[in-house]
């Protein structure tokens, strides 16, 4: 990872790092469905790729002008701060147009997001442009299975297996208004504890299934942070 532009939070990634990112993504693309289907075999999975430019109206109001990169106020477009809006739009599309698709189902995607992060030293990995792998898992609010609680240890183990470093689960120190509970997976890379994944129970999906409210289990993995920590393990002096 090179700062060729000499601008904070903007890295150029080399071939080795890209390969590691792809391997990490492949690892979770297999493990997360396995974790979910072990809890309930009814889960179905839908991979998508939504636009980076997103209508401002679809962005969660928790994000302000201090957080996101607006393109043009007249166009009402913003560089997405997370992949969630596109996944929510696709989930609503599935509910509206496919009578054979019903909860629980997952819409997931891998791609870039953008945020106006404060300038910090590189080892904090507060990137302005970064890769996310996000699984939005939709289910009815009256479901008896607590999917979030029941997946925590398995998701933590999936991170530990690929990182080969100590990890821990911890309550998030910043609970957004749309989350009933957010748990973070943190890795100890020998220098610091770093969040690499958040697991949230979200309430901001407005769609319904047969007049039933829906909740969303979000598993959001920071792929660039995963790459950084793997490289730290391999080259601790760098």
Protein backbone atom coordinates (compact mmCIF):
# COMPACT_ATOMS: atom_id res chain seq x y z
CA UNK A 1 0.00 0.00 0.00
CA UNK A 2 1.60 3.19 -1.25
CA UNK A 3 0.60 6.80 -0.72
CA UNK A 4 1.57 7.90 -4.23
CA UNK A 5 -0.81 10.86 -4.23
CA UNK A 6 0.61 12.10 -0.92
CA UNK A 7 -2.93 12.57 0.35
CA UNK A 8 -4.06 11.14 3.66
CA UNK A 9 -6.27 8.03 3.49
CA UNK A 10 -5.76 7.36 -0.24
CA UNK A 11 -3.65 4.31 -1.03
CA UNK A 12 -2.49 2.58 -4.19
CA UNK A 13 -2.59 -1.20 -3.78
CA UNK A 14 -0.06 -3.55 -5.37
CA UNK A 15 -0.58 -6.97 -6.92
CA UNK A 16 0.24 -8.92 -3.73
CA UNK A 17 -2.20 -6.83 -1.71
CA UNK A 18 -4.94 -7.20 -4.30
CA UNK A 19 -4.41 -10.96 -4.28
CA UNK A 20 -4.68 -11.07 -0.48
CA UNK A 21 -7.88 -8.99 -0.61
CA UNK A 22 -9.41 -11.36 -3.15
CA UNK A 23 -8.45 -14.39 -1.05
CA UNK A 24 -9.95 -12.83 2.08
CA UNK A 25 -13.15 -11.98 0.24
CA UNK A 26 -13.39 -15.53 -1.13
CA UNK A 27 -12.93 -16.91 2.39
CA UNK A 28 -15.90 -14.96 3.74
CA UNK A 29 -18.04 -15.48 0.65
CA UNK A 30 -17.97 -19.18 1.59
CA UNK A 31 -17.97 -18.95 5.40
CA UNK A 32 -20.81 -16.47 5.97
CA UNK A 33 -23.39 -18.51 4.00
CA UNK A 34 -22.25 -21.62 5.87
CA UNK A 35 -22.68 -19.86 9.23
CA UNK A 36 -26.17 -18.67 8.34
CA UNK A 37 -27.44 -21.93 6.85
CA UNK A 38 -26.23 -23.85 9.89
CA UNK A 39 -28.71 -21.72 11.87
CA UNK A 40 -31.49 -21.99 9.28
CA UNK A 41 -31.34 -23.87 5.98
CA UNK A 42 -33.99 -21.55 4.50
CA UNK A 43 -31.57 -18.68 3.84
CA UNK A 44 -31.16 -17.76 0.16
CA UNK A 45 -28.32 -15.59 -1.16
CA UNK A 46 -28.23 -12.89 -3.82
CA UNK A 47 -25.01 -11.21 -4.88
CA UNK A 48 -25.30 -7.79 -6.49
CA UNK A 49 -23.15 -4.85 -7.53
CA UNK A 50 -24.82 -1.46 -7.06
CA UNK A 51 -23.65 1.97 -8.28
CA UNK A 52 -21.04 3.89 -6.31
CA UNK A 53 -22.99 7.07 -7.01
CA UNK A 54 -26.15 6.85 -4.93
CA UNK A 55 -29.20 9.13 -4.61
CA UNK A 56 -28.84 11.20 -1.46
CA UNK A 57 -32.38 10.26 -0.44
CA UNK A 58 -31.27 6.62 0.00
CA UNK A 59 -28.40 7.43 2.36
CA UNK A 60 -29.12 6.91 6.05
CA UNK A 61 -29.68 10.30 7.75
CA UNK A 62 -27.00 9.40 10.31
CA UNK A 63 -24.53 10.45 7.60
CA UNK A 64 -24.09 14.22 7.29
CA UNK A 65 -22.18 16.52 4.95
CA UNK A 66 -19.19 16.01 7.26
CA UNK A 67 -19.23 12.27 6.50
CA UNK A 68 -19.97 11.88 2.79
CA UNK A 69 -18.62 13.11 -0.55
CA UNK A 70 -21.33 15.01 -2.41
CA UNK A 71 -20.93 15.29 -6.18
CA UNK A 72 -23.40 18.00 -7.04
CA UNK A 73 -26.31 19.19 -4.96
CA UNK A 74 -28.40 19.71 -8.09
CA UNK A 75 -27.85 16.09 -9.15
CA UNK A 76 -28.73 14.83 -5.65
CA UNK A 77 -25.98 12.20 -5.84
CA UNK A 78 -23.38 11.16 -3.31
CA UNK A 79 -20.48 8.72 -3.28
CA UNK A 80 -21.92 6.01 -1.07
CA UNK A 81 -20.57 5.82 2.51
CA UNK A 82 -21.59 2.14 2.67
CA UNK A 83 -22.97 -0.45 0.27
CA UNK A 84 -26.20 -0.77 2.28
CA UNK A 85 -28.47 1.54 0.21
CA UNK A 86 -27.99 -0.51 -2.94
CA UNK A 87 -28.60 -3.77 -1.07
CA UNK A 88 -31.76 -2.37 0.52
CA UNK A 89 -33.06 -1.21 -2.86
CA UNK A 90 -32.44 -4.68 -4.33
CA UNK A 91 -34.10 -6.39 -1.35
CA UNK A 92 -37.20 -4.25 -1.87
CA UNK A 93 -37.11 -5.15 -5.56
CA UNK A 94 -37.07 -8.86 -4.65
CA UNK A 95 -40.03 -8.47 -2.31
CA UNK A 96 -42.00 -6.46 -4.88
CA UNK A 97 -41.39 -8.59 -7.96
CA UNK A 98 -40.54 -12.16 -6.94
CA UNK A 99 -43.34 -14.08 -5.25
CA UNK A 100 -41.07 -17.09 -4.74
CA UNK A 101 -38.49 -15.16 -2.70
CA UNK A 102 -39.28 -14.54 0.94
CA UNK A 103 -37.42 -14.07 4.24
CA UNK A 104 -34.92 -15.07 5.35
CA UNK A 105 -32.71 -13.99 2.47
CA UNK A 106 -29.36 -12.27 2.03
CA UNK A 107 -28.32 -9.53 -0.37
CA UNK A 108 -24.57 -9.11 -0.40
CA UNK A 109 -21.98 -7.20 -2.31
CA UNK A 110 -18.31 -6.34 -2.42
CA UNK A 111 -17.14 -2.90 -3.47
CA UNK A 112 -15.83 0.52 -2.61
CA UNK A 113 -17.31 3.04 -0.21
CA UNK A 114 -16.20 6.59 0.57
CA UNK A 115 -16.15 8.74 3.71
CA UNK A 116 -14.71 12.07 4.78
CA UNK A 117 -12.44 10.59 7.43
CA UNK A 118 -10.23 12.79 9.56
CA UNK A 119 -6.56 12.77 8.62
CA UNK A 120 -4.72 10.21 10.74
CA UNK A 121 -1.51 8.20 10.55
CA UNK A 122 -1.63 5.27 8.14
CA UNK A 123 -1.53 2.58 10.83
CA UNK A 124 -5.00 3.65 12.00
CA UNK A 125 -6.41 2.75 8.55
CA UNK A 126 -8.95 5.57 8.49
CA UNK A 127 -9.35 5.47 4.72
CA UNK A 128 -11.36 7.89 2.63
CA UNK A 129 -11.83 5.22 -0.06
CA UNK A 130 -12.06 1.59 0.99
CA UNK A 131 -13.39 -1.86 0.11
CA UNK A 132 -16.29 -3.40 2.02
CA UNK A 133 -17.79 -6.86 1.92
CA UNK A 134 -21.28 -6.51 3.35
CA UNK A 135 -23.96 -9.11 3.93
CA UNK A 136 -27.44 -7.70 4.56
CA UNK A 137 -29.53 -10.54 5.99
CA UNK A 138 -33.28 -9.86 5.93
CA UNK A 139 -35.76 -11.61 8.21
CA UNK A 140 -39.12 -10.89 9.82
CA UNK A 141 -39.07 -9.11 13.17
CA UNK A 142 -41.15 -11.87 14.82
CA UNK A 143 -38.49 -14.52 14.09
CA UNK A 144 -37.62 -16.39 17.27
CA UNK A 145 -34.01 -17.09 16.24
CA UNK A 146 -31.62 -14.38 17.44
CA UNK A 147 -29.42 -14.54 14.37
CA UNK A 148 -27.03 -11.86 15.57
CA UNK A 149 -26.29 -13.42 18.93
CA UNK A 150 -26.06 -16.90 17.47
CA UNK A 151 -23.57 -15.98 14.74
CA UNK A 152 -21.12 -13.88 16.78
CA UNK A 153 -18.62 -16.55 17.79
CA UNK A 154 -18.64 -18.17 14.36
CA UNK A 155 -18.01 -14.84 12.59
CA UNK A 156 -15.20 -14.06 15.03
CA UNK A 157 -13.68 -17.51 14.37
CA UNK A 158 -13.90 -16.92 10.60
CA UNK A 159 -11.79 -13.77 11.05
CA UNK A 160 -9.32 -15.48 13.34
CA UNK A 161 -8.84 -18.31 10.85
CA UNK A 162 -7.86 -16.02 7.98
CA UNK A 163 -5.91 -13.46 10.03
CA UNK A 164 -3.98 -15.95 12.20
CA UNK A 165 -4.00 -13.27 14.91
CA UNK A 166 -5.91 -12.94 18.20
CA UNK A 167 -9.40 -11.48 17.82
CA UNK A 168 -12.12 -10.44 20.23
CA UNK A 169 -15.79 -9.44 20.22
CA UNK A 170 -16.70 -6.13 21.81
CA UNK A 171 -19.76 -3.91 22.02
CA UNK A 172 -19.37 -1.05 19.57
CA UNK A 173 -18.54 2.30 21.17
CA UNK A 174 -20.71 4.08 18.58
CA UNK A 175 -24.25 2.75 18.30
CA UNK A 176 -26.09 4.40 15.38
CA UNK A 177 -29.77 5.14 15.76
CA UNK A 178 -30.70 2.45 13.23
CA UNK A 179 -29.06 -0.36 15.22
CA UNK A 180 -30.54 -2.19 18.18
CA UNK A 181 -27.11 -3.64 18.89
CA UNK A 182 -23.73 -3.55 17.17
CA UNK A 183 -20.83 -5.87 17.99
CA UNK A 184 -17.35 -5.38 16.57
CA UNK A 185 -14.67 -7.92 15.76
CA UNK A 186 -11.28 -6.47 16.70
CA UNK A 187 -7.87 -7.90 15.87
CA UNK A 188 -4.72 -7.52 17.96
CA UNK A 189 -1.96 -6.95 15.40
CA UNK A 190 0.78 -6.48 17.99
CA UNK A 191 0.64 -2.71 17.65
CA UNK A 192 -2.99 -1.97 18.43
CA UNK A 193 -6.51 -3.36 18.48
CA UNK A 194 -8.27 -2.62 15.21
CA UNK A 195 -11.90 -3.09 14.23
CA UNK A 196 -12.19 -5.26 11.11
CA UNK A 197 -15.87 -6.18 11.16
CA UNK A 198 -19.15 -4.95 12.61
CA UNK A 199 -22.20 -7.14 13.20
CA UNK A 200 -25.38 -5.11 13.62
CA UNK A 201 -29.09 -5.69 14.10
CA UNK A 202 -30.52 -2.95 11.90
CA UNK A 203 -34.05 -1.53 12.01
CA UNK A 204 -33.90 0.93 9.09
CA UNK A 205 -35.18 -1.30 6.28
CA UNK A 206 -38.69 -0.05 5.55
CA UNK A 207 -39.89 -3.04 3.54
CA UNK A 208 -42.43 -5.49 4.90
CA UNK A 209 -43.27 -9.12 4.22
CA UNK A 210 -46.99 -9.93 4.43
CA UNK A 211 -47.48 -6.86 6.66
CA UNK A 212 -44.71 -8.01 8.98
CA UNK A 213 -41.89 -5.65 9.91
CA UNK A 214 -38.40 -6.78 9.01
CA UNK A 215 -35.00 -6.65 10.69
CA UNK A 216 -31.59 -6.87 9.08
CA UNK A 217 -28.53 -8.67 10.35
CA UNK A 218 -25.63 -6.76 8.82
CA UNK A 219 -22.18 -8.34 8.67
CA UNK A 220 -19.81 -5.65 7.37
CA UNK A 221 -16.18 -6.62 6.78
CA UNK A 222 -13.43 -4.08 6.09
CA UNK A 223 -11.35 -5.82 3.41
CA UNK A 224 -8.55 -3.22 3.36
CA UNK A 225 -8.11 -3.51 7.12
CA UNK A 226 -7.96 -7.28 6.78
CA UNK A 227 -5.17 -6.92 4.19
CA UNK A 228 -3.30 -4.47 6.41
CA UNK A 229 -3.38 -6.80 9.41
CA UNK A 230 -2.28 -9.83 7.40
CA UNK A 231 0.68 -7.81 6.09
CA UNK A 232 1.47 -6.68 9.64
CA UNK A 233 1.60 -10.30 10.72
CA UNK A 234 3.89 -11.25 7.84
CA UNK A 235 6.16 -8.19 8.12
CA UNK A 236 5.89 -6.92 11.72
CA UNK A 237 8.87 -4.57 11.37
CA UNK A 238 7.35 -2.67 8.45
